[in-house]
N, C-alpha and C. Protein backbone atom coordinates (compact mmCIF):
# COMPACT_ATOMS: atom_id res chain seq x y z
N MET A 1 -74.23 9.34 -37.79
CA MET A 1 -75.15 9.74 -38.83
C MET A 1 -74.32 10.34 -39.99
N THR A 2 -74.73 10.07 -41.20
CA THR A 2 -74.03 10.60 -42.37
C THR A 2 -74.39 12.07 -42.58
N ILE A 3 -73.64 12.73 -43.44
CA ILE A 3 -73.94 14.13 -43.75
C ILE A 3 -75.35 14.25 -44.31
N GLN A 4 -75.71 13.34 -45.23
CA GLN A 4 -77.05 13.38 -45.79
C GLN A 4 -78.10 13.13 -44.71
N GLY A 5 -77.79 12.25 -43.75
CA GLY A 5 -78.69 12.00 -42.64
C GLY A 5 -78.92 13.26 -41.81
N TRP A 6 -77.83 14.01 -41.58
CA TRP A 6 -77.95 15.27 -40.83
C TRP A 6 -78.76 16.30 -41.62
N LEU A 7 -78.51 16.39 -42.92
CA LEU A 7 -79.27 17.34 -43.74
C LEU A 7 -80.76 17.00 -43.71
N ASP A 8 -81.06 15.71 -43.80
CA ASP A 8 -82.46 15.27 -43.71
C ASP A 8 -83.05 15.61 -42.34
N PHE A 9 -82.26 15.42 -41.28
CA PHE A 9 -82.69 15.75 -39.92
C PHE A 9 -83.06 17.23 -39.83
N PHE A 10 -82.18 18.10 -40.30
CA PHE A 10 -82.43 19.54 -40.23
C PHE A 10 -83.64 19.95 -41.07
N LYS A 11 -83.81 19.32 -42.23
CA LYS A 11 -84.98 19.62 -43.07
C LYS A 11 -86.26 19.18 -42.36
N LYS A 12 -86.21 18.02 -41.73
CA LYS A 12 -87.38 17.50 -41.02
C LYS A 12 -87.78 18.43 -39.86
N HIS A 13 -86.80 19.05 -39.23
CA HIS A 13 -87.03 19.93 -38.09
C HIS A 13 -86.83 21.40 -38.47
N LYS A 14 -87.24 21.74 -39.67
CA LYS A 14 -87.02 23.08 -40.21
C LYS A 14 -87.65 24.18 -39.35
N GLU A 15 -88.75 23.88 -38.68
CA GLU A 15 -89.42 24.90 -37.84
C GLU A 15 -88.58 25.27 -36.62
N THR A 16 -87.64 24.42 -36.22
CA THR A 16 -86.77 24.69 -35.09
C THR A 16 -85.52 25.39 -35.60
N LYS A 17 -85.28 26.60 -35.12
CA LYS A 17 -84.14 27.38 -35.60
C LYS A 17 -82.88 27.14 -34.79
N ILE A 18 -83.04 26.84 -33.50
CA ILE A 18 -81.90 26.70 -32.59
C ILE A 18 -81.99 25.35 -31.88
N PHE A 19 -80.89 24.62 -31.89
CA PHE A 19 -80.82 23.34 -31.20
C PHE A 19 -79.74 23.39 -30.13
N SER A 20 -80.06 22.82 -28.99
CA SER A 20 -79.05 22.64 -27.96
C SER A 20 -78.60 21.18 -28.02
N ILE A 21 -77.52 20.88 -27.36
CA ILE A 21 -77.04 19.49 -27.32
C ILE A 21 -78.14 18.59 -26.77
N ASN A 22 -78.88 19.05 -25.75
CA ASN A 22 -79.96 18.24 -25.19
C ASN A 22 -81.07 17.98 -26.20
N HIS A 23 -81.38 18.98 -27.05
CA HIS A 23 -82.37 18.75 -28.12
C HIS A 23 -81.89 17.62 -29.03
N PHE A 24 -80.64 17.70 -29.43
CA PHE A 24 -80.09 16.68 -30.32
C PHE A 24 -80.15 15.30 -29.67
N LYS A 25 -79.80 15.21 -28.38
CA LYS A 25 -79.83 13.92 -27.68
C LYS A 25 -81.23 13.33 -27.72
N LEU A 26 -82.23 14.16 -27.42
CA LEU A 26 -83.62 13.68 -27.40
C LEU A 26 -84.11 13.28 -28.79
N LEU A 27 -83.78 14.07 -29.78
CA LEU A 27 -84.32 13.84 -31.12
C LEU A 27 -83.58 12.76 -31.91
N THR A 28 -82.29 12.56 -31.61
CA THR A 28 -81.51 11.59 -32.39
C THR A 28 -81.22 10.30 -31.62
N GLY A 29 -81.25 10.37 -30.30
CA GLY A 29 -80.91 9.20 -29.50
C GLY A 29 -79.41 8.96 -29.41
N GLU A 30 -78.62 9.87 -29.96
CA GLU A 30 -77.16 9.76 -29.94
C GLU A 30 -76.61 10.15 -28.57
N SER A 31 -75.42 9.65 -28.24
CA SER A 31 -74.77 10.03 -26.98
C SER A 31 -74.15 11.41 -27.12
N GLY A 32 -73.87 12.05 -26.01
CA GLY A 32 -73.29 13.38 -26.01
C GLY A 32 -71.96 13.45 -26.74
N HIS A 33 -71.10 12.46 -26.54
CA HIS A 33 -69.79 12.46 -27.19
C HIS A 33 -69.93 12.35 -28.71
N ASN A 34 -70.74 11.40 -29.16
CA ASN A 34 -70.93 11.22 -30.61
C ASN A 34 -71.52 12.47 -31.24
N LEU A 35 -72.46 13.08 -30.54
CA LEU A 35 -73.08 14.31 -31.07
C LEU A 35 -72.05 15.42 -31.21
N ARG A 36 -71.24 15.59 -30.20
CA ARG A 36 -70.24 16.67 -30.23
C ARG A 36 -69.25 16.47 -31.39
N VAL A 37 -68.84 15.23 -31.59
CA VAL A 37 -67.90 14.92 -32.69
C VAL A 37 -68.59 15.19 -34.03
N SER A 38 -69.83 14.71 -34.18
CA SER A 38 -70.57 14.92 -35.44
C SER A 38 -70.78 16.40 -35.71
N LEU A 39 -71.20 17.15 -34.68
CA LEU A 39 -71.47 18.57 -34.85
C LEU A 39 -70.18 19.35 -35.13
N PHE A 40 -69.08 18.95 -34.52
CA PHE A 40 -67.80 19.59 -34.79
C PHE A 40 -67.44 19.40 -36.27
N ARG A 41 -67.61 18.20 -36.76
CA ARG A 41 -67.30 17.91 -38.18
C ARG A 41 -68.23 18.67 -39.12
N LEU A 42 -69.50 18.71 -38.79
CA LEU A 42 -70.46 19.45 -39.61
C LEU A 42 -70.13 20.94 -39.63
N HIS A 43 -69.73 21.46 -38.48
CA HIS A 43 -69.36 22.88 -38.39
C HIS A 43 -68.10 23.15 -39.21
N ARG A 44 -67.13 22.27 -39.11
CA ARG A 44 -65.87 22.43 -39.84
C ARG A 44 -66.11 22.40 -41.36
N LYS A 45 -67.09 21.61 -41.80
CA LYS A 45 -67.43 21.53 -43.23
C LYS A 45 -68.42 22.61 -43.66
N LYS A 46 -68.75 23.51 -42.71
CA LYS A 46 -69.67 24.63 -42.94
C LYS A 46 -71.08 24.18 -43.35
N ILE A 47 -71.48 23.05 -42.79
CA ILE A 47 -72.84 22.55 -43.02
C ILE A 47 -73.78 23.08 -41.96
N VAL A 48 -73.29 23.16 -40.73
CA VAL A 48 -74.08 23.70 -39.63
C VAL A 48 -73.29 24.85 -39.00
N LYS A 49 -74.01 25.82 -38.49
CA LYS A 49 -73.37 26.99 -37.88
C LYS A 49 -73.49 26.88 -36.36
N ARG A 50 -72.35 26.92 -35.68
CA ARG A 50 -72.32 26.90 -34.22
C ARG A 50 -72.65 28.30 -33.72
N ILE A 51 -73.60 28.41 -32.80
CA ILE A 51 -73.95 29.71 -32.23
C ILE A 51 -72.98 30.05 -31.11
N CYS A 52 -72.91 29.18 -30.14
CA CYS A 52 -71.97 29.29 -29.03
C CYS A 52 -71.91 27.90 -28.41
N ARG A 53 -71.17 27.75 -27.37
CA ARG A 53 -71.01 26.42 -26.77
C ARG A 53 -72.35 25.77 -26.47
N GLY A 54 -72.57 24.60 -27.10
CA GLY A 54 -73.77 23.82 -26.84
C GLY A 54 -75.00 24.20 -27.66
N PHE A 55 -74.90 25.19 -28.54
CA PHE A 55 -76.04 25.63 -29.35
C PHE A 55 -75.65 25.73 -30.82
N TYR A 56 -76.57 25.25 -31.68
CA TYR A 56 -76.32 25.24 -33.12
C TYR A 56 -77.56 25.75 -33.85
N ALA A 57 -77.32 26.36 -35.01
CA ALA A 57 -78.41 26.90 -35.82
C ALA A 57 -78.80 25.90 -36.91
N ASN A 58 -80.07 25.85 -37.20
CA ASN A 58 -80.58 25.02 -38.29
C ASN A 58 -80.17 25.67 -39.61
N PRO A 59 -79.40 24.98 -40.44
CA PRO A 59 -78.95 25.59 -41.70
C PRO A 59 -80.07 25.90 -42.68
N PHE A 60 -81.24 25.31 -42.47
CA PHE A 60 -82.38 25.55 -43.36
C PHE A 60 -83.34 26.61 -42.82
N ASN A 61 -83.04 27.14 -41.64
CA ASN A 61 -83.89 28.17 -41.04
C ASN A 61 -83.07 28.91 -39.99
N LEU A 62 -82.16 29.77 -40.46
CA LEU A 62 -81.24 30.45 -39.55
C LEU A 62 -81.97 31.43 -38.64
N PRO A 63 -81.61 31.47 -37.36
CA PRO A 63 -82.25 32.39 -36.42
C PRO A 63 -81.67 33.80 -36.51
N ALA A 64 -82.45 34.76 -36.07
CA ALA A 64 -81.97 36.14 -35.92
C ALA A 64 -81.29 36.24 -34.56
N ILE A 65 -80.43 37.22 -34.40
CA ILE A 65 -79.71 37.42 -33.14
C ILE A 65 -80.69 37.62 -31.98
N GLU A 66 -81.83 38.24 -32.23
CA GLU A 66 -82.84 38.45 -31.19
C GLU A 66 -83.38 37.11 -30.69
N GLU A 67 -83.61 36.18 -31.61
CA GLU A 67 -84.11 34.86 -31.22
C GLU A 67 -83.06 34.09 -30.43
N ILE A 68 -81.82 34.24 -30.83
CA ILE A 68 -80.72 33.57 -30.14
C ILE A 68 -80.61 34.08 -28.71
N SER A 69 -80.75 35.40 -28.53
CA SER A 69 -80.57 36.01 -27.21
C SER A 69 -81.48 35.40 -26.15
N GLY A 70 -82.70 35.05 -26.52
CA GLY A 70 -83.64 34.49 -25.56
C GLY A 70 -83.46 33.00 -25.32
N GLN A 71 -82.71 32.33 -26.17
CA GLN A 71 -82.53 30.88 -26.06
C GLN A 71 -81.28 30.48 -25.28
N ILE A 72 -80.19 31.23 -25.48
CA ILE A 72 -78.92 30.77 -24.90
C ILE A 72 -78.71 31.19 -23.45
N TYR A 73 -79.52 32.14 -22.97
CA TYR A 73 -79.39 32.58 -21.57
C TYR A 73 -80.78 32.96 -21.10
N PHE A 74 -81.43 32.02 -20.45
CA PHE A 74 -82.83 32.18 -20.08
C PHE A 74 -82.95 32.30 -18.57
N PRO A 75 -83.82 33.12 -18.02
CA PRO A 75 -84.75 34.02 -18.68
C PRO A 75 -84.07 35.35 -19.02
N SER A 76 -84.49 35.93 -20.12
CA SER A 76 -83.96 37.23 -20.51
C SER A 76 -84.91 37.90 -21.49
N TYR A 77 -84.74 39.19 -21.65
CA TYR A 77 -85.48 39.92 -22.67
C TYR A 77 -84.58 41.02 -23.23
N ILE A 78 -84.80 41.38 -24.47
CA ILE A 78 -84.03 42.44 -25.11
C ILE A 78 -84.49 43.76 -24.53
N SER A 79 -83.53 44.61 -24.19
CA SER A 79 -83.86 45.89 -23.58
C SER A 79 -82.74 46.88 -23.85
N ARG A 80 -82.75 47.96 -23.08
CA ARG A 80 -81.73 49.00 -23.14
C ARG A 80 -81.52 49.49 -24.56
N GLU A 81 -80.28 49.63 -25.00
CA GLU A 81 -79.99 50.24 -26.30
C GLU A 81 -80.64 49.50 -27.46
N SER A 82 -80.67 48.17 -27.42
CA SER A 82 -81.25 47.40 -28.53
C SER A 82 -82.74 47.66 -28.68
N ALA A 83 -83.46 47.63 -27.57
CA ALA A 83 -84.91 47.88 -27.64
C ALA A 83 -85.19 49.34 -28.00
N LEU A 84 -84.42 50.27 -27.43
CA LEU A 84 -84.62 51.68 -27.75
C LEU A 84 -84.38 51.95 -29.23
N SER A 85 -83.39 51.30 -29.80
CA SER A 85 -83.13 51.44 -31.24
C SER A 85 -84.27 50.82 -32.04
N PHE A 86 -84.75 49.65 -31.62
CA PHE A 86 -85.86 48.97 -32.29
C PHE A 86 -87.10 49.88 -32.36
N TYR A 87 -87.39 50.59 -31.26
CA TYR A 87 -88.57 51.46 -31.20
C TYR A 87 -88.33 52.85 -31.80
N GLY A 88 -87.10 53.13 -32.25
CA GLY A 88 -86.80 54.43 -32.85
C GLY A 88 -86.56 55.53 -31.84
N ILE A 89 -86.35 55.17 -30.59
CA ILE A 89 -86.11 56.14 -29.53
C ILE A 89 -84.64 56.55 -29.51
N LEU A 90 -83.78 55.61 -29.83
CA LEU A 90 -82.34 55.85 -29.91
C LEU A 90 -81.97 55.77 -31.39
N SER A 91 -81.34 56.81 -31.90
CA SER A 91 -81.06 56.83 -33.34
C SER A 91 -79.86 55.97 -33.73
N GLN A 92 -78.94 55.72 -32.81
CA GLN A 92 -77.79 54.88 -33.14
C GLN A 92 -78.18 53.40 -33.13
N ILE A 93 -77.49 52.64 -33.96
CA ILE A 93 -77.68 51.19 -33.97
C ILE A 93 -76.62 50.59 -33.06
N PRO A 94 -77.03 49.86 -32.02
CA PRO A 94 -76.06 49.29 -31.09
C PRO A 94 -75.14 48.28 -31.77
N GLN A 95 -73.92 48.19 -31.30
CA GLN A 95 -72.97 47.23 -31.86
C GLN A 95 -73.17 45.83 -31.32
N MET A 96 -73.96 45.70 -30.26
CA MET A 96 -74.27 44.39 -29.71
C MET A 96 -75.73 44.37 -29.28
N THR A 97 -76.27 43.19 -29.12
CA THR A 97 -77.63 43.04 -28.64
C THR A 97 -77.58 43.11 -27.12
N THR A 98 -78.37 44.02 -26.54
CA THR A 98 -78.35 44.23 -25.10
C THR A 98 -79.60 43.64 -24.46
N CYS A 99 -79.39 42.85 -23.43
CA CYS A 99 -80.49 42.14 -22.77
C CYS A 99 -80.43 42.32 -21.27
N VAL A 100 -81.54 42.00 -20.63
CA VAL A 100 -81.66 42.02 -19.17
C VAL A 100 -82.03 40.60 -18.74
N THR A 101 -81.44 40.16 -17.64
CA THR A 101 -81.68 38.81 -17.15
C THR A 101 -81.72 38.79 -15.63
N LEU A 102 -82.19 37.70 -15.07
CA LEU A 102 -82.13 37.48 -13.62
C LEU A 102 -80.82 36.80 -13.24
N ASN A 103 -80.13 36.25 -14.22
CA ASN A 103 -78.88 35.55 -14.01
C ASN A 103 -77.71 36.53 -13.85
N LEU A 104 -76.55 35.99 -13.61
CA LEU A 104 -75.34 36.81 -13.52
C LEU A 104 -75.05 37.48 -14.86
N PRO A 105 -74.42 38.65 -14.86
CA PRO A 105 -74.08 39.32 -16.12
C PRO A 105 -73.15 38.44 -16.96
N ARG A 106 -73.32 38.55 -18.27
CA ARG A 106 -72.53 37.70 -19.16
C ARG A 106 -72.50 38.31 -20.55
N ILE A 107 -71.43 38.04 -21.27
CA ILE A 107 -71.33 38.44 -22.67
C ILE A 107 -71.04 37.19 -23.49
N PHE A 108 -71.85 36.99 -24.54
CA PHE A 108 -71.65 35.88 -25.46
C PHE A 108 -71.20 36.45 -26.80
N LYS A 109 -70.08 35.95 -27.29
CA LYS A 109 -69.61 36.31 -28.63
C LYS A 109 -69.98 35.14 -29.53
N THR A 110 -71.09 35.29 -30.26
CA THR A 110 -71.58 34.22 -31.12
C THR A 110 -71.16 34.47 -32.56
N ASN A 111 -71.40 33.50 -33.40
CA ASN A 111 -71.15 33.65 -34.83
C ASN A 111 -72.20 34.54 -35.49
N PHE A 112 -73.20 34.96 -34.75
CA PHE A 112 -74.26 35.82 -35.27
C PHE A 112 -74.14 37.25 -34.74
N GLY A 113 -73.30 37.46 -33.73
CA GLY A 113 -73.12 38.77 -33.12
C GLY A 113 -72.87 38.64 -31.63
N VAL A 114 -72.61 39.76 -31.00
CA VAL A 114 -72.32 39.79 -29.56
C VAL A 114 -73.61 40.10 -28.80
N ILE A 115 -73.82 39.38 -27.71
CA ILE A 115 -75.00 39.59 -26.86
C ILE A 115 -74.52 39.85 -25.45
N GLU A 116 -74.96 40.99 -24.90
CA GLU A 116 -74.60 41.35 -23.53
C GLU A 116 -75.83 41.22 -22.64
N TYR A 117 -75.66 40.53 -21.51
CA TYR A 117 -76.73 40.37 -20.53
C TYR A 117 -76.33 41.09 -19.26
N ARG A 118 -77.24 41.88 -18.73
CA ARG A 118 -77.02 42.56 -17.46
C ARG A 118 -78.07 42.06 -16.47
N GLN A 119 -77.64 41.86 -15.24
CA GLN A 119 -78.53 41.33 -14.21
C GLN A 119 -79.37 42.44 -13.59
N ILE A 120 -80.65 42.13 -13.37
CA ILE A 120 -81.56 43.08 -12.75
C ILE A 120 -82.30 42.35 -11.62
N LYS A 121 -82.77 43.10 -10.65
CA LYS A 121 -83.52 42.51 -9.54
C LYS A 121 -84.80 41.85 -10.05
N LYS A 122 -85.21 40.81 -9.35
CA LYS A 122 -86.41 40.06 -9.75
C LYS A 122 -87.64 40.97 -9.83
N ASP A 123 -87.76 41.93 -8.89
CA ASP A 123 -88.90 42.84 -8.89
C ASP A 123 -88.96 43.72 -10.13
N PHE A 124 -87.81 43.95 -10.77
CA PHE A 124 -87.74 44.83 -11.94
C PHE A 124 -87.80 44.05 -13.26
N PHE A 125 -87.85 42.73 -13.17
CA PHE A 125 -87.89 41.88 -14.36
C PHE A 125 -89.34 41.77 -14.82
N CYS A 126 -89.78 42.79 -15.56
CA CYS A 126 -91.19 42.89 -15.92
C CYS A 126 -91.37 43.79 -17.14
N ASN A 127 -92.61 43.90 -17.60
CA ASN A 127 -93.01 44.81 -18.67
C ASN A 127 -92.29 44.57 -19.99
N PHE A 128 -92.30 43.30 -20.39
CA PHE A 128 -91.77 42.94 -21.70
C PHE A 128 -92.83 42.13 -22.43
N VAL A 129 -92.73 42.09 -23.73
CA VAL A 129 -93.71 41.40 -24.56
C VAL A 129 -93.02 40.38 -25.45
N LYS A 130 -93.78 39.39 -25.87
CA LYS A 130 -93.25 38.38 -26.78
C LYS A 130 -93.46 38.83 -28.21
N ARG A 131 -92.41 38.79 -28.99
CA ARG A 131 -92.47 39.07 -30.42
C ARG A 131 -92.16 37.77 -31.15
N GLU A 132 -91.78 37.84 -32.35
CA GLU A 132 -91.53 36.64 -33.17
C GLU A 132 -90.33 35.83 -32.67
N GLY A 133 -90.53 35.05 -31.64
CA GLY A 133 -89.49 34.17 -31.14
C GLY A 133 -88.57 34.73 -30.07
N TYR A 134 -88.90 35.89 -29.52
CA TYR A 134 -88.08 36.48 -28.46
C TYR A 134 -88.92 37.44 -27.64
N PHE A 135 -88.38 37.85 -26.49
CA PHE A 135 -89.04 38.82 -25.63
C PHE A 135 -88.31 40.15 -25.73
N ILE A 136 -89.07 41.24 -25.71
CA ILE A 136 -88.49 42.58 -25.78
C ILE A 136 -89.22 43.49 -24.80
N ALA A 137 -88.48 44.37 -24.17
CA ALA A 137 -89.07 45.32 -23.21
C ALA A 137 -90.03 46.25 -23.94
N GLN A 138 -91.07 46.67 -23.24
CA GLN A 138 -91.94 47.72 -23.77
C GLN A 138 -91.10 49.00 -23.81
N PRO A 139 -91.46 49.97 -24.64
CA PRO A 139 -90.61 51.17 -24.80
C PRO A 139 -90.25 51.86 -23.49
N GLN A 140 -91.22 52.08 -22.62
CA GLN A 140 -90.94 52.77 -21.36
C GLN A 140 -90.00 51.95 -20.48
N LYS A 141 -90.19 50.64 -20.46
CA LYS A 141 -89.35 49.77 -19.64
C LYS A 141 -87.93 49.73 -20.21
N ALA A 142 -87.79 49.72 -21.52
CA ALA A 142 -86.46 49.73 -22.15
C ALA A 142 -85.71 51.00 -21.74
N LEU A 143 -86.44 52.12 -21.71
CA LEU A 143 -85.83 53.39 -21.30
C LEU A 143 -85.39 53.32 -19.84
N LEU A 144 -86.24 52.80 -18.99
CA LEU A 144 -85.89 52.71 -17.57
C LEU A 144 -84.72 51.74 -17.34
N ASP A 145 -84.69 50.65 -18.07
CA ASP A 145 -83.55 49.74 -17.95
C ASP A 145 -82.28 50.45 -18.40
N TYR A 146 -82.38 51.21 -19.47
CA TYR A 146 -81.24 51.98 -19.98
C TYR A 146 -80.72 52.94 -18.91
N LEU A 147 -81.64 53.64 -18.28
CA LEU A 147 -81.27 54.60 -17.24
C LEU A 147 -80.79 53.88 -15.97
N TYR A 148 -81.41 52.76 -15.65
CA TYR A 148 -81.07 51.98 -14.46
C TYR A 148 -79.59 51.56 -14.47
N PHE A 149 -79.08 51.21 -15.65
CA PHE A 149 -77.71 50.73 -15.76
C PHE A 149 -76.70 51.84 -16.03
N ASN A 150 -77.16 53.10 -15.99
CA ASN A 150 -76.27 54.24 -16.14
C ASN A 150 -76.25 55.02 -14.83
N ARG A 151 -75.27 55.85 -14.65
CA ARG A 151 -75.14 56.64 -13.42
C ARG A 151 -76.30 57.63 -13.31
N PRO A 152 -76.91 57.76 -12.13
CA PRO A 152 -78.02 58.72 -11.97
C PRO A 152 -77.62 60.15 -12.31
N GLU A 153 -76.37 60.54 -12.04
CA GLU A 153 -75.97 61.92 -12.32
C GLU A 153 -75.87 62.18 -13.83
N ALA A 154 -75.81 61.12 -14.63
CA ALA A 154 -75.75 61.28 -16.10
C ALA A 154 -77.14 61.18 -16.72
N MET A 155 -78.17 61.10 -15.89
CA MET A 155 -79.54 60.90 -16.36
C MET A 155 -80.00 61.96 -17.35
N GLU A 156 -79.79 63.22 -17.01
CA GLU A 156 -80.28 64.31 -17.87
C GLU A 156 -79.60 64.26 -19.24
N GLU A 157 -78.30 64.00 -19.23
CA GLU A 157 -77.55 63.90 -20.49
C GLU A 157 -78.06 62.73 -21.33
N LYS A 158 -78.30 61.60 -20.71
CA LYS A 158 -78.79 60.41 -21.42
C LYS A 158 -80.17 60.66 -22.02
N LEU A 159 -81.04 61.31 -21.26
CA LEU A 159 -82.39 61.60 -21.75
C LEU A 159 -82.36 62.54 -22.96
N SER A 160 -81.40 63.47 -23.00
CA SER A 160 -81.33 64.42 -24.10
C SER A 160 -80.93 63.75 -25.42
N GLU A 161 -80.32 62.56 -25.36
CA GLU A 161 -79.91 61.83 -26.56
C GLU A 161 -81.06 61.06 -27.20
N LEU A 162 -82.20 61.00 -26.53
CA LEU A 162 -83.29 60.13 -26.96
C LEU A 162 -84.46 60.90 -27.55
N ASN A 163 -85.16 60.25 -28.48
CA ASN A 163 -86.37 60.80 -29.06
C ASN A 163 -87.54 60.31 -28.21
N LEU A 164 -88.05 61.17 -27.32
CA LEU A 164 -89.10 60.77 -26.38
C LEU A 164 -90.50 61.20 -26.81
N ARG A 165 -90.64 61.66 -28.06
CA ARG A 165 -91.98 62.02 -28.55
C ARG A 165 -92.85 60.77 -28.56
N GLY A 166 -94.07 60.94 -28.18
CA GLY A 166 -95.00 59.82 -28.17
C GLY A 166 -94.93 58.97 -26.91
N PHE A 167 -94.04 59.31 -25.99
CA PHE A 167 -93.95 58.56 -24.74
C PHE A 167 -95.10 58.93 -23.82
N THR A 168 -95.66 57.96 -23.17
CA THR A 168 -96.68 58.20 -22.17
C THR A 168 -95.96 58.48 -20.86
N LYS A 169 -95.96 59.74 -20.45
CA LYS A 169 -95.23 60.14 -19.25
C LYS A 169 -95.75 59.41 -18.00
N LYS A 170 -97.07 59.22 -17.96
CA LYS A 170 -97.65 58.56 -16.78
C LYS A 170 -97.13 57.13 -16.64
N LYS A 171 -97.12 56.37 -17.75
CA LYS A 171 -96.64 54.99 -17.71
C LYS A 171 -95.15 54.95 -17.34
N LEU A 172 -94.39 55.86 -17.92
CA LEU A 172 -92.97 55.95 -17.61
C LEU A 172 -92.77 56.27 -16.12
N ALA A 173 -93.54 57.22 -15.60
CA ALA A 173 -93.43 57.60 -14.19
C ALA A 173 -93.82 56.43 -13.28
N ASP A 174 -94.86 55.67 -13.67
CA ASP A 174 -95.28 54.51 -12.88
C ASP A 174 -94.16 53.46 -12.82
N TYR A 175 -93.54 53.16 -13.97
CA TYR A 175 -92.43 52.20 -13.99
C TYR A 175 -91.27 52.72 -13.15
N ALA A 176 -90.97 54.00 -13.29
CA ALA A 176 -89.85 54.60 -12.57
C ALA A 176 -90.04 54.50 -11.06
N LYS A 177 -91.26 54.75 -10.59
CA LYS A 177 -91.54 54.64 -9.15
C LYS A 177 -91.32 53.21 -8.68
N LYS A 178 -91.75 52.26 -9.50
CA LYS A 178 -91.64 50.85 -9.13
C LYS A 178 -90.19 50.44 -8.90
N ILE A 179 -89.26 50.99 -9.67
CA ILE A 179 -87.86 50.61 -9.53
C ILE A 179 -87.03 51.64 -8.77
N GLY A 180 -87.73 52.57 -8.10
CA GLY A 180 -87.05 53.53 -7.24
C GLY A 180 -86.31 54.63 -7.98
N MET A 181 -86.76 54.95 -9.19
CA MET A 181 -86.11 56.00 -9.98
C MET A 181 -87.05 57.14 -10.28
N GLY A 182 -88.15 57.23 -9.55
CA GLY A 182 -89.16 58.26 -9.80
C GLY A 182 -88.63 59.67 -9.77
N LYS A 183 -87.65 59.94 -8.91
CA LYS A 183 -87.13 61.30 -8.79
C LYS A 183 -86.30 61.74 -10.01
N TYR A 184 -85.89 60.76 -10.86
CA TYR A 184 -85.08 61.11 -12.02
C TYR A 184 -85.90 61.34 -13.28
N ILE A 185 -87.19 61.04 -13.24
CA ILE A 185 -88.04 61.20 -14.41
C ILE A 185 -88.80 62.52 -14.27
N PRO A 186 -88.67 63.42 -15.27
CA PRO A 186 -89.33 64.73 -15.18
C PRO A 186 -90.85 64.60 -15.23
């Protein structure tokens, strides 16, 4: 496909922000090898932006890092420091997007930012909501995920760093009991 053909392709599929190699195969009918060569050339000419291995961004509708996090490692949801910062509970802005997954832990260094995934038990993979193109933990669940991945003896110190005004203690206590951390929540 020519460069103009690719530009037309991306314009035609403007509503799609992230493409995987499999998406390209289905939509273009091209073989995997030809696609990889074409995409490498498009990336080198700065026409298309590579997200990470096997994923590319639509140049006419670039995705946010939050949208990328849910696409490149599924299932997952944004939680811990990133969600706490989003809700205004944590005043610092995290240097990477932090997510929770059922898969093995992984870190992706993308052209849009770094995304860290931490593995959690299937029973604890809950209490998240869908936002504009991604999933994010509810505030109480984000806090519990944050505490879950930190040492229990550091719990009191971690809680003192957070703005917990407006938190529903009952909902937080219910989540904490579910994941076996009830004794750490005041």
